[in-house]
Amino acid sequence: MMTVLIVENNERMRRAIVSTLASQHIKCIECDDGERALDLYYQIRPAWVLMDILMPGMNGFEATKKIVAKYPEARVAMVTDYNDVEFRDAARRSGATAYILKEELVQLREKIVQTAGAEKF
């Protein structure tokens, strides 16, 4: 079973992501801030982290940088509302593996299931 860590401060969006990934082969663990995401990542080492960008406290870029600095093999997908070149560039610089818009959650499941050989975006 694959474990996915969902880091999203909006509970409705977390539920939508969990619903999108609902499968007997994907276990979802949820949290609502970047600091907690670091603790959970270090404990469970999920196959993927689905990271929101704008959250109170530590934002998604900072959390991603810290995870990838310690675990370069980490797969972090930024899941956001912002289809913005600056945000995409910041995601790349932070070490994100993918950038997925919340309005395109259908692609999220496909990206997660294709974990073998995932490349940087």
Protein backbone atom coordinates (compact mmCIF):
# COMPACT_ATOMS: atom_id res chain seq x y z
CA MET A 1 0.00 0.00 0.00
CA MET A 2 1.26 3.46 -0.93
CA THR A 3 1.19 6.22 1.69
CA VAL A 4 0.49 9.82 0.69
CA LEU A 5 0.85 12.81 3.02
CA ILE A 6 -1.66 15.57 2.29
CA VAL A 7 -0.61 18.99 3.61
CA GLU A 8 -3.51 21.41 3.16
CA ASN A 9 -4.94 23.95 5.59
CA ASN A 10 -8.40 23.92 4.00
CA GLU A 11 -10.31 20.92 5.35
CA ARG A 12 -12.76 20.81 2.43
CA MET A 13 -9.86 20.66 -0.03
CA ARG A 14 -8.18 17.91 2.02
CA ARG A 15 -11.42 15.92 1.80
CA ALA A 16 -11.58 16.48 -1.97
CA ILE A 17 -8.00 15.23 -2.36
CA VAL A 18 -8.66 12.19 -0.17
CA SER A 19 -11.79 11.47 -2.22
CA THR A 20 -9.80 11.79 -5.46
CA LEU A 21 -7.19 9.33 -4.21
CA ALA A 22 -9.66 6.93 -2.60
CA SER A 23 -8.32 3.49 -3.32
CA GLN A 24 -7.46 0.30 -1.58
CA HIS A 25 -3.84 0.91 -2.62
CA ILE A 26 -3.40 4.47 -1.28
CA LYS A 27 -3.35 5.39 2.41
CA CYS A 28 -3.81 9.12 3.05
CA ILE A 29 -2.37 10.87 6.09
CA GLU A 30 -3.42 14.49 6.57
CA CYS A 31 -2.12 17.62 8.26
CA ASP A 32 -2.78 21.32 7.92
CA ASP A 33 0.60 23.05 8.16
CA GLY A 34 4.19 22.88 6.94
CA GLU A 35 5.78 22.35 10.35
CA ARG A 36 3.61 19.30 11.09
CA ALA A 37 4.34 18.04 7.55
CA LEU A 38 8.06 17.90 8.38
CA ASP A 39 7.44 15.83 11.50
CA LEU A 40 5.11 13.45 9.67
CA TYR A 41 7.43 13.09 6.68
CA TYR A 42 10.37 12.19 8.91
CA GLN A 43 8.21 9.62 10.77
CA ILE A 44 6.40 7.88 7.92
CA ARG A 45 8.41 8.65 4.75
CA PRO A 46 5.39 8.64 2.42
CA ALA A 47 5.67 7.85 -1.28
CA TRP A 48 4.29 11.34 -2.05
CA VAL A 49 3.64 14.61 -0.26
CA LEU A 50 0.81 16.71 -1.68
CA MET A 51 1.75 20.19 -0.49
CA ASP A 52 -0.37 23.32 -0.48
CA ILE A 53 1.63 26.51 -0.98
CA LEU A 54 -0.01 29.19 1.14
CA MET A 55 -0.57 28.08 4.72
CA PRO A 56 -0.26 29.78 8.09
CA GLY A 57 3.16 29.37 9.70
CA MET A 58 5.56 27.52 7.43
CA ASN A 59 4.47 27.73 3.79
CA GLY A 60 4.69 24.88 1.30
CA PHE A 61 7.87 26.13 -0.38
CA GLU A 62 9.75 26.23 2.94
CA ALA A 63 8.47 22.83 4.03
CA THR A 64 9.37 21.31 0.66
CA LYS A 65 12.91 22.73 0.80
CA LYS A 66 13.44 21.23 4.24
CA ILE A 67 12.07 17.83 3.30
CA VAL A 68 14.08 17.61 0.07
CA ALA A 69 17.27 18.86 1.78
CA LYS A 70 17.11 15.95 4.22
CA TYR A 71 15.60 13.40 1.81
CA PRO A 72 16.58 14.24 -1.81
CA GLU A 73 14.52 11.30 -3.09
CA ALA A 74 11.30 12.80 -1.65
CA ARG A 75 8.45 13.30 -4.08
CA VAL A 76 6.54 16.48 -3.35
CA ALA A 77 3.70 17.68 -5.57
CA MET A 78 2.64 21.27 -5.05
CA VAL A 79 -1.16 21.26 -5.19
CA THR A 80 -2.39 24.81 -5.59
CA ASP A 81 -4.89 27.26 -7.01
CA TYR A 82 -2.10 29.41 -8.46
CA ASN A 83 -1.32 28.90 -12.15
CA ASP A 84 1.47 31.41 -11.94
CA VAL A 85 4.97 31.35 -13.47
CA GLU A 86 6.58 32.78 -10.32
CA PHE A 87 4.94 30.14 -8.13
CA ARG A 88 5.98 27.37 -10.53
CA ASP A 89 9.58 28.65 -10.50
CA ALA A 90 9.55 28.82 -6.70
CA ALA A 91 8.23 25.24 -6.60
CA ARG A 92 11.10 24.07 -8.82
CA ARG A 93 13.64 25.89 -6.66
CA SER A 94 12.18 24.32 -3.52
CA GLY A 95 12.67 20.84 -5.03
CA ALA A 96 9.06 19.95 -5.87
CA THR A 97 8.59 16.99 -8.18
CA ALA A 98 5.27 18.17 -9.66
CA TYR A 99 2.94 21.16 -9.78
CA ILE A 100 -0.78 20.37 -9.99
CA LEU A 101 -3.67 22.83 -9.98
CA LYS A 102 -6.50 22.09 -7.56
CA GLU A 103 -8.97 22.43 -10.43
CA GLU A 104 -7.20 19.49 -12.11
CA LEU A 105 -7.34 16.97 -9.25
CA VAL A 106 -8.08 14.18 -11.72
CA GLN A 107 -4.45 14.44 -12.90
CA LEU A 108 -3.31 14.09 -9.32
CA ARG A 109 -4.31 10.46 -9.03
CA GLU A 110 -2.60 9.64 -12.33
CA LYS A 111 0.61 11.35 -11.19
CA ILE A 112 0.59 9.54 -7.85
CA VAL A 113 -0.03 6.13 -9.39
CA GLN A 114 2.86 6.67 -11.83
CA THR A 115 5.43 6.91 -9.03
CA ALA A 116 7.88 4.60 -10.69
CA GLY A 117 10.30 6.77 -12.60
CA ALA A 118 8.68 10.09 -11.71
CA GLU A 119 10.67 12.98 -13.11
CA LYS A 120 10.92 16.60 -12.09
CA PHE A 121 8.36 18.82 -13.81
